[in-house]
Amino acid sequence: MSEYENIRIESPITGVRQIILNKPEKRNAISTPMRTEILEALQTHDIDDDVRVTIISGAGDCFSSGYDLTSGGLMENSPLYSAPGDGQWTRQATDSWFSIWDLAKPVIAQIHGYAMAGGTELASACDLIYMADDATIGYPVVRVMSTPDWQFHTPILGLRASMEMMLTGNTYTAEEAVQVGFANRAYPPSALQEEVLAIAETVARVPSDLQQVNKRSVHRSFEVLGGRTAIRAAQELQALAAYQESVKEARKNPFKAIKEAFD
């Protein structure tokens, strides 16, 4: 397997690969190099006959704290082309996560600790999500900086739950995340890896040629209901947020603003 700087690849059981976000000292913040490596690894797994399903998890005390704002521009050496102009970054993020939807093989997110902001975007792009029952999710930066880049909330969580998350920036417990449809199930932290591997093993038993049709049938139905279009439409509003006076002020000192958002 290829060596990566920001992720680690393991083969816990036959037919299953595990991508581990491997920047625990930065709480697995998603930099452009990390995002590039995640997508590259997933695409490699998609054409590897020995792989039938991939799990994405995080090293250290959490899944991911969100996008890494300390490692240079998020558009620097991007893995995908995005048309320039207002909203370029949001288009880039949206295209990145849609590329996971469009893979042939299933991808599972395994969340412990917390998944915040961009971390929830990565997780929601996966086909299945399982959480430790003491884990939390949220998008606190809506309080100070912007709407989400990948606006999955309304089509996946529904109107009321997504509105509450957008207007308050509050976090959800694992139990709440399951109730609103963000996650499939929650397990005790000590059992999370074992339970997710058991599910992955079940998924891996289905032949890949059939499984990719199963996966696509769900996504195509979701698209017919307008899910992909809704996410695309909301991405354009993220660019509009940058023109709001309060956001302009917050972006003068983004790290201070983000710290306040999490308080």
C-alpha atoms as a PDB file:
ATOM      1  CA  MET A   1       0.000   0.000   0.000  1.00  0.00           C
ATOM      2  CA  SER A   2       1.093   3.600  -0.595  1.00  0.00           C
ATOM      3  CA  GLU A   3       2.631   5.579   2.227  1.00  0.00           C
ATOM      4  CA  TYR A   4       0.758   8.698   3.234  1.00  0.00           C
ATOM      5  CA  GLU A   5       1.691  11.621   5.481  1.00  0.00           C
ATOM      6  CA  ASN A   6      -1.753  12.516   6.824  1.00  0.00           C
ATOM      7  CA  ILE A   7      -3.623   9.224   6.903  1.00  0.00           C
ATOM      8  CA  ARG A   8      -2.849   5.622   7.765  1.00  0.00           C
ATOM      9  CA  ILE A   9      -4.240   2.582   5.953  1.00  0.00           C
ATOM     10  CA  GLU A  10      -4.943  -0.691   7.728  1.00  0.00           C
ATOM     11  CA  SER A  11      -6.518  -4.011   6.688  1.00  0.00           C
ATOM     12  CA  PRO A  12      -8.368  -5.164   9.820  1.00  0.00           C
ATOM     13  CA  ILE A  13     -10.221  -8.069   8.177  1.00  0.00           C
ATOM     14  CA  THR A  14     -10.539  -9.640   4.733  1.00  0.00           C
ATOM     15  CA  GLY A  15     -12.196  -7.346   2.211  1.00  0.00           C
ATOM     16  CA  VAL A  16     -12.064  -4.291   4.488  1.00  0.00           C
ATOM     17  CA  ARG A  17      -9.663  -1.342   4.477  1.00  0.00           C
ATOM     18  CA  GLN A  18      -9.581   1.305   7.178  1.00  0.00           C
ATOM     19  CA  ILE A  19      -8.462   4.878   6.484  1.00  0.00           C
ATOM     20  CA  ILE A  20      -7.372   6.475   9.750  1.00  0.00           C
ATOM     21  CA  LEU A  21      -7.080  10.270   9.807  1.00  0.00           C
ATOM     22  CA  ASN A  22      -3.639  10.474  11.349  1.00  0.00           C
ATOM     23  CA  LYS A  23      -3.039  13.978  12.646  1.00  0.00           C
ATOM     24  CA  PRO A  24      -4.094  13.537  16.289  1.00  0.00           C
ATOM     25  CA  GLU A  25      -1.915  16.459  17.378  1.00  0.00           C
ATOM     26  CA  LYS A  26      -4.178  18.676  15.208  1.00  0.00           C
ATOM     27  CA  ARG A  27      -7.348  16.782  16.167  1.00  0.00           C
ATOM     28  CA  ASN A  28      -7.386  15.366  12.636  1.00  0.00           C
ATOM     29  CA  ALA A  29      -8.183  18.743  11.103  1.00  0.00           C
ATOM     30  CA  ILE A  30      -8.706  18.228   7.374  1.00  0.00           C
ATOM     31  CA  SER A  31      -6.033  20.030   5.377  1.00  0.00           C
ATOM     32  CA  THR A  32      -5.928  19.995   1.580  1.00  0.00           C
ATOM     33  CA  PRO A  33      -3.133  17.366   1.621  1.00  0.00           C
ATOM     34  CA  MET A  34      -5.226  15.175   3.944  1.00  0.00           C
ATOM     35  CA  ARG A  35      -8.310  15.591   1.765  1.00  0.00           C
ATOM     36  CA  THR A  36      -6.232  14.689  -1.290  1.00  0.00           C
ATOM     37  CA  GLU A  37      -4.913  11.553   0.400  1.00  0.00           C
ATOM     38  CA  ILE A  38      -8.381  10.466   1.560  1.00  0.00           C
ATOM     39  CA  LEU A  39      -9.799  10.745  -1.950  1.00  0.00           C
ATOM     40  CA  GLU A  40      -6.759   9.076  -3.508  1.00  0.00           C
ATOM     41  CA  ALA A  41      -6.947   6.140  -1.098  1.00  0.00           C
ATOM     42  CA  LEU A  42     -10.681   5.704  -1.668  1.00  0.00           C
ATOM     43  CA  GLN A  43     -10.241   5.748  -5.435  1.00  0.00           C
ATOM     44  CA  THR A  44      -7.467   3.154  -5.115  1.00  0.00           C
ATOM     45  CA  HIS A  45      -9.746   0.933  -3.031  1.00  0.00           C
ATOM     46  CA  ASP A  46     -12.528   1.365  -5.579  1.00  0.00           C
ATOM     47  CA  ILE A  47     -10.514  -0.459  -8.264  1.00  0.00           C
ATOM     48  CA  ASP A  48      -8.846  -2.994  -5.953  1.00  0.00           C
ATOM     49  CA  ASP A  49     -10.556  -6.377  -6.175  1.00  0.00           C
ATOM     50  CA  ASP A  50      -9.351  -7.227  -2.668  1.00  0.00           C
ATOM     51  CA  VAL A  51     -11.342  -4.334  -1.155  1.00  0.00           C
ATOM     52  CA  ARG A  52     -15.110  -4.405  -0.787  1.00  0.00           C
ATOM     53  CA  VAL A  53     -15.711  -1.687   1.813  1.00  0.00           C
ATOM     54  CA  THR A  54     -13.687   1.096   3.459  1.00  0.00           C
ATOM     55  CA  ILE A  55     -13.996   2.462   7.002  1.00  0.00           C
ATOM     56  CA  ILE A  56     -12.880   6.029   7.793  1.00  0.00           C
ATOM     57  CA  SER A  57     -11.964   6.775  11.414  1.00  0.00           C
ATOM     58  CA  GLY A  58      -9.701   9.131  13.350  1.00  0.00           C
ATOM     59  CA  ALA A  59      -6.560   8.639  15.432  1.00  0.00           C
ATOM     60  CA  GLY A  60      -6.355  10.118  18.912  1.00  0.00           C
ATOM     61  CA  ASP A  61      -9.294  11.541  20.812  1.00  0.00           C
ATOM     62  CA  CYS A  62     -11.659  12.435  17.961  1.00  0.00           C
ATOM     63  CA  PHE A  63     -12.798  11.792  14.410  1.00  0.00           C
ATOM     64  CA  SER A  64     -12.083  15.311  13.122  1.00  0.00           C
ATOM     65  CA  SER A  65     -12.298  18.879  14.400  1.00  0.00           C
ATOM     66  CA  GLY A  66     -13.087  20.255  10.928  1.00  0.00           C
ATOM     67  CA  TYR A  67     -11.049  21.920   8.215  1.00  0.00           C
ATOM     68  CA  ASP A  68      -7.447  22.856   8.940  1.00  0.00           C
ATOM     69  CA  LEU A  69      -7.158  26.648   8.669  1.00  0.00           C
ATOM     70  CA  THR A  70      -3.509  26.706   9.767  1.00  0.00           C
ATOM     71  CA  SER A  71      -1.851  24.879   6.876  1.00  0.00           C
ATOM     72  CA  GLY A  72      -2.124  27.379   4.038  1.00  0.00           C
ATOM     73  CA  GLY A  73      -4.984  28.010   1.640  1.00  0.00           C
ATOM     74  CA  LEU A  74      -7.673  25.360   1.367  1.00  0.00           C
ATOM     75  CA  MET A  75      -7.483  25.702  -2.421  1.00  0.00           C
ATOM     76  CA  GLU A  76      -3.696  25.224  -2.607  1.00  0.00           C
ATOM     77  CA  ASN A  77      -2.799  22.115  -4.653  1.00  0.00           C
ATOM     78  CA  SER A  78      -6.421  21.020  -4.614  1.00  0.00           C
ATOM     79  CA  PRO A  79      -7.199  17.459  -5.706  1.00  0.00           C
ATOM     80  CA  LEU A  80     -10.039  18.621  -7.984  1.00  0.00           C
ATOM     81  CA  TYR A  81     -10.590  21.487 -10.387  1.00  0.00           C
ATOM     82  CA  SER A  82     -13.218  24.019  -9.331  1.00  0.00           C
ATOM     83  CA  ALA A  83     -14.393  26.884 -11.490  1.00  0.00           C
ATOM     84  CA  PRO A  84     -12.961  30.199 -10.219  1.00  0.00           C
ATOM     85  CA  GLY A  85     -14.988  33.059  -8.781  1.00  0.00           C
ATOM     86  CA  ASP A  86     -17.157  33.478  -5.713  1.00  0.00           C
ATOM     87  CA  GLY A  87     -17.846  30.153  -4.070  1.00  0.00           C
ATOM     88  CA  GLN A  88     -14.840  28.385  -5.559  1.00  0.00           C
ATOM     89  CA  TRP A  89     -13.857  26.769  -2.261  1.00  0.00           C
ATOM     90  CA  THR A  90     -17.417  25.642  -1.552  1.00  0.00           C
ATOM     91  CA  ARG A  91     -17.662  24.070  -4.994  1.00  0.00           C
ATOM     92  CA  GLN A  92     -14.351  22.328  -4.288  1.00  0.00           C
ATOM     93  CA  ALA A  93     -15.573  20.930  -0.971  1.00  0.00           C
ATOM     94  CA  THR A  94     -18.906  19.864  -2.452  1.00  0.00           C
ATOM     95  CA  ASP A  95     -17.240  18.125  -5.392  1.00  0.00           C
ATOM     96  CA  SER A  96     -14.830  16.356  -3.022  1.00  0.00           C
ATOM     97  CA  TRP A  97     -17.574  14.871  -0.894  1.00  0.00           C
ATOM     98  CA  PHE A  98     -19.827  14.040  -3.836  1.00  0.00           C
ATOM     99  CA  SER A  99     -16.910  12.021  -5.227  1.00  0.00           C
ATOM    100  CA  ILE A 100     -17.286   9.687  -2.214  1.00  0.00           C
ATOM    101  CA  TRP A 101     -20.984   9.242  -2.979  1.00  0.00           C
ATOM    102  CA  ASP A 102     -20.067   8.406  -6.558  1.00  0.00           C
ATOM    103  CA  LEU A 103     -17.619   5.625  -5.682  1.00  0.00           C
ATOM    104  CA  ALA A 104     -18.735   2.108  -6.564  1.00  0.00           C
ATOM    105  CA  LYS A 105     -17.881   0.622  -3.168  1.00  0.00           C
ATOM    106  CA  PRO A 106     -19.415   1.489   0.212  1.00  0.00           C
ATOM    107  CA  VAL A 107     -17.670   3.757   2.713  1.00  0.00           C
ATOM    108  CA  ILE A 108     -18.377   3.750   6.463  1.00  0.00           C
ATOM    109  CA  ALA A 109     -17.646   6.602   8.905  1.00  0.00           C
ATOM    110  CA  GLN A 110     -16.686   5.551  12.439  1.00  0.00           C
ATOM    111  CA  ILE A 111     -16.966   8.539  14.796  1.00  0.00           C
ATOM    112  CA  HIS A 112     -15.534   8.722  18.292  1.00  0.00           C
ATOM    113  CA  GLY A 113     -14.950  11.817  20.408  1.00  0.00           C
ATOM    114  CA  TYR A 114     -16.447  14.392  18.080  1.00  0.00           C
ATOM    115  CA  ALA A 115     -16.867  15.396  14.453  1.00  0.00           C
ATOM    116  CA  MET A 116     -17.173  19.135  13.980  1.00  0.00           C
ATOM    117  CA  ALA A 117     -17.769  21.369  10.954  1.00  0.00           C
ATOM    118  CA  GLY A 118     -15.813  19.902   8.009  1.00  0.00           C
ATOM    119  CA  GLY A 119     -15.524  16.650   9.934  1.00  0.00           C
ATOM    120  CA  THR A 120     -19.305  16.257   9.751  1.00  0.00           C
ATOM    121  CA  GLU A 121     -19.128  16.932   6.018  1.00  0.00           C
ATOM    122  CA  LEU A 122     -16.657  14.095   5.479  1.00  0.00           C
ATOM    123  CA  ALA A 123     -18.735  11.767   7.655  1.00  0.00           C
ATOM    124  CA  SER A 124     -22.027  12.626   5.953  1.00  0.00           C
ATOM    125  CA  ALA A 125     -20.501  11.860   2.550  1.00  0.00           C
ATOM    126  CA  CYS A 126     -20.005   8.267   3.702  1.00  0.00           C
ATOM    127  CA  ASP A 127     -22.702   5.682   3.089  1.00  0.00           C
ATOM    128  CA  LEU A 128     -23.050   4.531   6.698  1.00  0.00           C
ATOM    129  CA  ILE A 129     -22.216   6.349   9.945  1.00  0.00           C
ATOM    130  CA  TYR A 130     -21.671   4.737  13.348  1.00  0.00           C
ATOM    131  CA  MET A 131     -20.824   6.699  16.493  1.00  0.00           C
ATOM    132  CA  ALA A 132     -19.551   6.060  19.973  1.00  0.00           C
ATOM    133  CA  ASP A 133     -22.465   6.790  22.279  1.00  0.00           C
ATOM    134  CA  ASP A 134     -20.497   9.548  24.024  1.00  0.00           C
ATOM    135  CA  ALA A 135     -19.488  11.239  20.744  1.00  0.00           C
ATOM    136  CA  THR A 136     -20.911  14.534  19.481  1.00  0.00           C
ATOM    137  CA  ILE A 137     -21.366  16.259  16.130  1.00  0.00           C
ATOM    138  CA  GLY A 138     -21.946  19.889  15.268  1.00  0.00           C
ATOM    139  CA  TYR A 139     -21.265  22.923  13.099  1.00  0.00           C
ATOM    140  CA  PRO A 140     -20.557  25.712  15.613  1.00  0.00           C
ATOM    141  CA  VAL A 141     -18.936  27.997  13.020  1.00  0.00           C
ATOM    142  CA  VAL A 142     -22.413  28.955  11.761  1.00  0.00           C
ATOM    143  CA  ARG A 143     -22.414  31.290  14.780  1.00  0.00           C
ATOM    144  CA  VAL A 144     -19.603  33.458  13.434  1.00  0.00           C
ATOM    145  CA  MET A 145     -18.175  32.583  10.020  1.00  0.00           C
ATOM    146  CA  SER A 146     -20.357  30.873   7.442  1.00  0.00           C
ATOM    147  CA  THR A 147     -22.962  28.335   6.529  1.00  0.00           C
ATOM    148  CA  PRO A 148     -21.608  24.824   5.870  1.00  0.00           C
ATOM    149  CA  ASP A 149     -19.593  24.226   2.714  1.00  0.00           C
ATOM    150  CA  TRP A 150     -21.337  20.903   2.055  1.00  0.00           C
ATOM    151  CA  GLN A 151     -24.913  21.687   3.060  1.00  0.00           C
ATOM    152  CA  PHE A 152     -26.187  18.157   3.667  1.00  0.00           C
ATOM    153  CA  HIS A 153     -28.320  19.152   6.630  1.00  0.00           C
ATOM    154  CA  THR A 154     -31.765  19.813   5.153  1.00  0.00           C
ATOM    155  CA  PRO A 155     -31.973  16.884   2.700  1.00  0.00           C
ATOM    156  CA  ILE A 156     -30.568  14.396   5.228  1.00  0.00           C
ATOM    157  CA  LEU A 157     -31.704  15.703   8.640  1.00  0.00           C
ATOM    158  CA  GLY A 158     -34.977  17.319   7.586  1.00  0.00           C
ATOM    159  CA  LEU A 159     -36.269  20.858   8.027  1.00  0.00           C
ATOM    160  CA  ARG A 160     -36.617  21.155  11.813  1.00  0.00           C
ATOM    161  CA  ALA A 161     -33.386  19.441  12.861  1.00  0.00           C
ATOM    162  CA  SER A 162     -31.315  21.240  10.231  1.00  0.00           C
ATOM    163  CA  MET A 163     -32.890  24.596  11.073  1.00  0.00           C
ATOM    164  CA  GLU A 164     -32.097  24.120  14.750  1.00  0.00           C
ATOM    165  CA  MET A 165     -28.494  23.224  13.970  1.00  0.00           C
ATOM    166  CA  MET A 166     -28.071  26.206  11.627  1.00  0.00           C
ATOM    167  CA  LEU A 167     -29.705  28.766  13.935  1.00  0.00           C
ATOM    168  CA  THR A 168     -28.085  27.652  17.199  1.00  0.00           C
ATOM    169  CA  GLY A 169     -24.793  26.041  16.193  1.00  0.00           C
ATOM    170  CA  ASN A 170     -25.422  23.572  19.007  1.00  0.00           C
ATOM    171  CA  THR A 171     -23.891  20.117  19.023  1.00  0.00           C
ATOM    172  CA  TYR A 172     -25.828  16.856  18.923  1.00  0.00           C
ATOM    173  CA  THR A 173     -25.183  13.831  21.080  1.00  0.00           C
ATOM    174  CA  ALA A 174     -24.829  10.448  19.389  1.00  0.00           C
ATOM    175  CA  GLU A 175     -28.355   9.546  20.480  1.00  0.00           C
ATOM    176  CA  GLU A 176     -29.725  12.746  18.932  1.00  0.00           C
ATOM    177  CA  ALA A 177     -27.657  12.190  15.782  1.00  0.00           C
ATOM    178  CA  VAL A 178     -29.261   8.776  15.345  1.00  0.00           C
ATOM    179  CA  GLN A 179     -32.745  10.173  16.029  1.00  0.00           C
ATOM    180  CA  VAL A 180     -32.479  12.851  13.318  1.00  0.00           C
ATOM    181  CA  GLY A 181     -30.900  10.519  10.767  1.00  0.00           C
ATOM    182  CA  PHE A 182     -27.305  11.732  10.749  1.00  0.00           C
ATOM    183  CA  ALA A 183     -25.990   8.397  12.055  1.00  0.00           C
ATOM    184  CA  ASN A 184     -27.193   4.811  11.766  1.00  0.00           C
ATOM    185  CA  ARG A 185     -26.416   3.595  15.293  1.00  0.00           C
ATOM    186  CA  ALA A 186     -24.399   4.401  18.413  1.00  0.00           C
ATOM    187  CA  TYR A 187     -22.330   1.949  20.449  1.00  0.00           C
ATOM    188  CA  PRO A 188     -20.325   2.064  23.680  1.00  0.00           C
ATOM    189  CA  PRO A 189     -16.860   3.502  22.924  1.00  0.00           C
ATOM    190  CA  SER A 190     -15.118   0.269  23.890  1.00  0.00           C
ATOM    191  CA  ALA A 191     -17.261  -1.700  21.423  1.00  0.00           C
ATOM    192  CA  LEU A 192     -17.315   0.772  18.510  1.00  0.00           C
ATOM    193  CA  GLN A 193     -14.458  -0.686  16.454  1.00  0.00           C
ATOM    194  CA  GLU A 194     -15.676  -4.258  16.933  1.00  0.00           C
ATOM    195  CA  GLU A 195     -19.255  -3.384  16.013  1.00  0.00           C
ATOM    196  CA  VAL A 196     -18.241  -1.406  12.931  1.00  0.00           C
ATOM    197  CA  LEU A 197     -15.990  -4.242  11.762  1.00  0.00           C
ATOM    198  CA  ALA A 198     -18.887  -6.671  12.155  1.00  0.00           C
ATOM    199  CA  ILE A 199     -21.070  -4.443   9.970  1.00  0.00           C
ATOM    200  CA  ALA A 200     -18.247  -3.994   7.450  1.00  0.00           C
ATOM    201  CA  GLU A 201     -17.791  -7.762   7.306  1.00  0.00           C
ATOM    202  CA  THR A 202     -21.496  -8.184   6.540  1.00  0.00           C
ATOM    203  CA  VAL A 203     -21.286  -5.541   3.803  1.00  0.00           C
ATOM    204  CA  ALA A 204     -18.154  -7.199   2.381  1.00  0.00           C
ATOM    205  CA  ARG A 205     -19.915 -10.551   1.987  1.00  0.00           C
ATOM    206  CA  VAL A 206     -22.054  -9.129  -0.813  1.00  0.00           C
ATOM    207  CA  PRO A 207     -20.307  -9.322  -4.218  1.00  0.00           C
ATOM    208  CA  SER A 208     -18.953  -5.912  -5.245  1.00  0.00           C
ATOM    209  CA  ASP A 209     -20.715  -5.922  -8.609  1.00  0.00           C
ATOM    210  CA  LEU A 210     -24.072  -6.256  -6.858  1.00  0.00           C
ATOM    211  CA  GLN A 211     -23.167  -3.984  -3.952  1.00  0.00           C
ATOM    212  CA  GLN A 212     -22.364  -1.048  -6.212  1.00  0.00           C
ATOM    213  CA  VAL A 213     -25.844  -1.330  -7.736  1.00  0.00           C
ATOM    214  CA  ASN A 214     -27.349  -1.459  -4.243  1.00  0.00           C
ATOM    215  CA  LYS A 215     -25.435   1.691  -3.267  1.00  0.00           C
ATOM    216  CA  ARG A 216     -26.290   3.554  -6.454  1.00  0.00           C
ATOM    217  CA  SER A 217     -29.963   2.676  -6.222  1.00  0.00           C
ATOM    218  CA  VAL A 218     -30.204   4.525  -2.902  1.00  0.00           C
ATOM    219  CA  HIS A 219     -28.248   7.538  -4.138  1.00  0.00           C
ATOM    220  CA  ARG A 220     -30.215   7.752  -7.379  1.00  0.00           C
ATOM    221  CA  SER A 221     -33.496   7.673  -5.459  1.00  0.00           C
ATOM    222  CA  PHE A 222     -32.173  10.421  -3.171  1.00  0.00           C
ATOM    223  CA  GLU A 223     -31.228  12.457  -6.239  1.00  0.00           C
ATOM    224  CA  VAL A 224     -34.667  12.014  -7.806  1.00  0.00           C
ATOM    225  CA  LEU A 225     -36.062  13.445  -4.562  1.00  0.00           C
ATOM    226  CA  GLY A 226     -33.819  16.484  -5.068  1.00  0.00           C
ATOM    227  CA  GLY A 227     -31.076  15.732  -2.536  1.00  0.00           C
ATOM    228  CA  ARG A 228     -28.078  16.472  -4.739  1.00  0.00           C
ATOM    229  CA  THR A 229     -29.705  19.573  -6.198  1.00  0.00           C
ATOM    230  CA  ALA A 230     -30.522  20.871  -2.702  1.00  0.00           C
ATOM    231  CA  ILE A 231     -26.898  20.515  -1.617  1.00  0.00           C
ATOM    232  CA  ARG A 232     -25.712  22.260  -4.793  1.00  0.00           C
ATOM    233  CA  ALA A 233     -28.181  25.112  -4.329  1.00  0.00           C
ATOM    234  CA  ALA A 234     -27.172  25.707  -0.710  1.00  0.00           C
ATOM    235  CA  GLN A 235     -23.479  25.748  -1.588  1.00  0.00           C
ATOM    236  CA  GLU A 236     -23.974  29.037  -3.451  1.00  0.00           C
ATOM    237  CA  LEU A 237     -25.298  30.693  -0.280  1.00  0.00           C
ATOM    238  CA  GLN A 238     -22.055  29.878   1.518  1.00  0.00           C
ATOM    239  CA  ALA A 239     -20.305  32.399  -0.740  1.00  0.00           C
ATOM    240  CA  LEU A 240     -22.950  34.996   0.130  1.00  0.00           C
ATOM    241  CA  ALA A 241     -22.141  34.631   3.828  1.00  0.00           C
ATOM    242  CA  ALA A 242     -18.687  36.106   3.203  1.00  0.00           C
ATOM    243  CA  TYR A 243     -20.289  39.457   2.318  1.00  0.00           C
ATOM    244  CA  GLN A 244     -22.138  39.858   5.614  1.00  0.00           C
ATOM    245  CA  GLU A 245     -20.655  42.570   7.831  1.00  0.00           C
ATOM    246  CA  SER A 246     -20.422  40.347  10.899  1.00  0.00           C
ATOM    247  CA  VAL A 247     -18.581  37.687   8.908  1.00  0.00           C
ATOM    248  CA  LYS A 248     -16.147  40.243   7.458  1.00  0.00           C
ATOM    249  CA  GLU A 249     -15.367  41.320  11.006  1.00  0.00           C
ATOM    250  CA  ALA A 250     -14.943  37.735  12.221  1.00  0.00           C
ATOM    251  CA  ARG A 251     -12.589  36.898   9.363  1.00  0.00           C
ATOM    252  CA  LYS A 252     -10.184  39.617  10.447  1.00  0.00           C
ATOM    253  CA  ASN A 253      -9.267  37.279  13.306  1.00  0.00           C
ATOM    254  CA  PRO A 254     -10.707  33.888  12.285  1.00  0.00           C
ATOM    255  CA  PHE A 255      -9.085  31.822  15.028  1.00  0.00           C
ATOM    256  CA  LYS A 256     -10.489  34.090  17.736  1.00  0.00           C
ATOM    257  CA  ALA A 257     -13.914  33.914  16.083  1.00  0.00           C
ATOM    258  CA  ILE A 258     -13.841  30.132  15.837  1.00  0.00           C
ATOM    259  CA  LYS A 259     -12.779  29.826  19.467  1.00  0.00           C
ATOM    260  CA  GLU A 260     -15.758  31.979  20.442  1.00  0.00           C
ATOM    261  CA  ALA A 261     -18.046  29.806  18.298  1.00  0.00           C
ATOM    262  CA  PHE A 262     -17.043  26.723  20.256  1.00  0.00           C
ATOM    263  CA  ASP A 263     -17.512  28.376  23.668  1.00  0.00           C
END
